[in-house]
Amino acid sequence: MPLPKRRHSVTRGRKRRTHYKLPPPTRSVCPQCREVKLPHRVCPHCGYYKGREIVATEGS
């Protein structure tokens, strides 16, 4: 297998790694209170998941 003759500079390695980033997290809308939440999680605003109240909140 071929090997590099010279060492790559730090800048060159960092240029290559600029695309190694995480995608933004997906968001969904809570059907109960219409707030933005993570999918497949209990809504932190109203405490509902799949139409049922899972966590009692202060407003309830």
N, C-alpha and C. Protein backbone atom coordinates (compact mmCIF):
# COMPACT_ATOMS: atom_id res chain seq x y z
N MET A 1 0.84 -1.18 0.00
CA MET A 1 0.00 0.00 0.00
C MET A 1 0.88 1.24 0.00
N PRO A 2 0.47 2.27 -0.73
CA PRO A 2 1.28 3.49 -0.75
C PRO A 2 1.17 4.25 0.55
N LEU A 3 2.26 4.88 0.90
CA LEU A 3 2.32 5.69 2.11
C LEU A 3 2.63 7.13 1.72
N PRO A 4 2.17 8.10 2.50
CA PRO A 4 2.48 9.48 2.17
C PRO A 4 3.97 9.77 2.36
N LYS A 5 4.53 10.52 1.42
CA LYS A 5 5.96 10.87 1.54
C LYS A 5 6.17 11.91 2.61
N ARG A 6 5.23 12.84 2.71
CA ARG A 6 5.38 13.92 3.69
C ARG A 6 4.16 13.99 4.59
N ARG A 7 4.38 14.60 5.72
CA ARG A 7 3.32 14.75 6.71
C ARG A 7 2.34 15.83 6.25
N HIS A 8 1.05 15.58 6.44
CA HIS A 8 0.04 16.60 6.13
C HIS A 8 0.06 17.65 7.22
N SER A 9 -0.12 18.89 6.85
CA SER A 9 -0.12 19.97 7.83
C SER A 9 -1.40 19.91 8.67
N VAL A 10 -1.37 20.58 9.80
CA VAL A 10 -2.53 20.64 10.69
C VAL A 10 -3.70 21.32 9.98
N THR A 11 -3.39 22.36 9.23
CA THR A 11 -4.45 23.08 8.51
C THR A 11 -5.13 22.19 7.49
N ARG A 12 -4.34 21.41 6.79
CA ARG A 12 -4.92 20.52 5.77
C ARG A 12 -5.83 19.48 6.40
N GLY A 13 -5.41 18.94 7.55
CA GLY A 13 -6.26 17.97 8.24
C GLY A 13 -7.54 18.61 8.74
N ARG A 14 -7.44 19.83 9.24
CA ARG A 14 -8.64 20.53 9.73
C ARG A 14 -9.57 20.89 8.59
N LYS A 15 -9.03 21.23 7.43
CA LYS A 15 -9.88 21.50 6.26
C LYS A 15 -10.67 20.26 5.88
N ARG A 16 -10.03 19.11 5.98
CA ARG A 16 -10.71 17.87 5.63
C ARG A 16 -11.81 17.54 6.64
N ARG A 17 -11.58 17.88 7.91
CA ARG A 17 -12.53 17.54 8.96
C ARG A 17 -13.67 18.55 9.13
N THR A 18 -13.70 19.60 8.32
CA THR A 18 -14.77 20.59 8.49
C THR A 18 -16.15 20.00 8.23
N HIS A 19 -16.22 18.92 7.48
CA HIS A 19 -17.51 18.32 7.15
C HIS A 19 -17.92 17.26 8.16
N TYR A 20 -17.13 17.03 9.21
CA TYR A 20 -17.46 16.04 10.23
C TYR A 20 -18.33 16.67 11.30
N LYS A 21 -19.51 17.10 10.96
CA LYS A 21 -20.35 17.75 11.96
C LYS A 21 -21.68 17.02 12.09
N LEU A 22 -22.29 17.14 13.23
CA LEU A 22 -23.56 16.49 13.48
C LEU A 22 -24.69 17.23 12.79
N PRO A 23 -25.68 16.51 12.28
CA PRO A 23 -26.84 17.20 11.72
C PRO A 23 -27.69 17.78 12.85
N PRO A 24 -28.45 18.82 12.58
CA PRO A 24 -29.31 19.37 13.64
C PRO A 24 -30.38 18.36 14.03
N PRO A 25 -30.79 18.34 15.30
CA PRO A 25 -31.78 17.35 15.73
C PRO A 25 -33.13 17.61 15.07
N THR A 26 -33.83 16.52 14.74
CA THR A 26 -35.15 16.65 14.13
C THR A 26 -36.14 17.09 15.20
N ARG A 27 -37.11 17.83 14.78
CA ARG A 27 -38.13 18.35 15.70
C ARG A 27 -39.50 17.95 15.18
N SER A 28 -40.45 17.80 16.07
CA SER A 28 -41.83 17.56 15.70
C SER A 28 -42.72 18.46 16.54
N VAL A 29 -43.97 18.56 16.15
CA VAL A 29 -44.92 19.43 16.84
C VAL A 29 -45.82 18.56 17.72
N CYS A 30 -45.99 18.99 18.95
CA CYS A 30 -46.87 18.27 19.88
C CYS A 30 -48.32 18.48 19.42
N PRO A 31 -49.07 17.41 19.23
CA PRO A 31 -50.47 17.58 18.79
C PRO A 31 -51.37 18.16 19.88
N GLN A 32 -50.94 18.08 21.14
CA GLN A 32 -51.75 18.57 22.25
C GLN A 32 -51.63 20.09 22.41
N CYS A 33 -50.38 20.58 22.51
CA CYS A 33 -50.17 22.01 22.81
C CYS A 33 -49.50 22.78 21.68
N ARG A 34 -49.17 22.09 20.58
CA ARG A 34 -48.55 22.72 19.40
C ARG A 34 -47.17 23.31 19.66
N GLU A 35 -46.47 22.84 20.69
CA GLU A 35 -45.10 23.28 20.95
C GLU A 35 -44.14 22.35 20.23
N VAL A 36 -42.95 22.83 19.96
CA VAL A 36 -41.93 22.02 19.30
C VAL A 36 -41.29 21.10 20.34
N LYS A 37 -41.12 19.81 19.97
CA LYS A 37 -40.53 18.84 20.88
C LYS A 37 -39.73 17.83 20.07
N LEU A 38 -38.94 17.00 20.76
CA LEU A 38 -38.22 15.92 20.10
C LEU A 38 -39.20 14.79 19.80
N PRO A 39 -39.04 14.11 18.66
CA PRO A 39 -39.97 13.01 18.34
C PRO A 39 -39.79 11.83 19.28
N HIS A 40 -40.87 11.12 19.53
CA HIS A 40 -40.92 9.93 20.38
C HIS A 40 -40.52 10.23 21.82
N ARG A 41 -40.82 11.43 22.30
CA ARG A 41 -40.53 11.82 23.67
C ARG A 41 -41.78 12.48 24.26
N VAL A 42 -41.88 12.47 25.57
CA VAL A 42 -42.96 13.18 26.26
C VAL A 42 -42.75 14.67 26.05
N CYS A 43 -43.81 15.39 25.79
CA CYS A 43 -43.70 16.84 25.57
C CYS A 43 -43.32 17.51 26.90
N PRO A 44 -42.24 18.29 26.92
CA PRO A 44 -41.83 18.93 28.18
C PRO A 44 -42.76 20.06 28.60
N HIS A 45 -43.61 20.54 27.70
CA HIS A 45 -44.49 21.66 28.01
C HIS A 45 -45.81 21.20 28.63
N CYS A 46 -46.42 20.17 28.03
CA CYS A 46 -47.73 19.75 28.55
C CYS A 46 -47.70 18.38 29.22
N GLY A 47 -46.66 17.57 28.99
CA GLY A 47 -46.55 16.28 29.64
C GLY A 47 -47.31 15.15 28.95
N TYR A 48 -47.77 15.37 27.73
CA TYR A 48 -48.53 14.36 27.01
C TYR A 48 -47.65 13.60 26.04
N TYR A 49 -48.00 12.31 25.82
CA TYR A 49 -47.37 11.49 24.80
C TYR A 49 -48.42 10.56 24.23
N LYS A 50 -48.59 10.60 22.93
CA LYS A 50 -49.59 9.78 22.21
C LYS A 50 -51.00 9.98 22.76
N GLY A 51 -51.34 11.22 23.09
CA GLY A 51 -52.69 11.53 23.52
C GLY A 51 -52.97 11.25 24.99
N ARG A 52 -51.99 10.76 25.73
CA ARG A 52 -52.21 10.46 27.15
C ARG A 52 -51.29 11.31 27.99
N GLU A 53 -51.77 11.73 29.17
CA GLU A 53 -50.94 12.51 30.06
C GLU A 53 -49.99 11.55 30.81
N ILE A 54 -48.72 11.75 30.62
CA ILE A 54 -47.72 10.88 31.23
C ILE A 54 -47.12 11.56 32.46
N VAL A 55 -46.80 12.83 32.33
CA VAL A 55 -46.18 13.59 33.41
C VAL A 55 -47.13 14.72 33.79
N ALA A 56 -47.47 14.81 35.07
CA ALA A 56 -48.36 15.89 35.53
C ALA A 56 -47.54 17.18 35.58
N THR A 57 -48.03 18.22 34.91
CA THR A 57 -47.35 19.52 34.94
C THR A 57 -48.13 20.47 35.85
N GLU A 58 -47.53 21.62 36.12
CA GLU A 58 -48.16 22.58 37.03
C GLU A 58 -49.45 23.16 36.46
N GLY A 59 -49.51 23.27 35.14
CA GLY A 59 -50.71 23.83 34.50
C GLY A 59 -51.88 22.87 34.51
N SER A 60 -51.65 21.57 34.71
CA SER A 60 -52.72 20.58 34.67
C SER A 60 -53.42 20.44 35.99
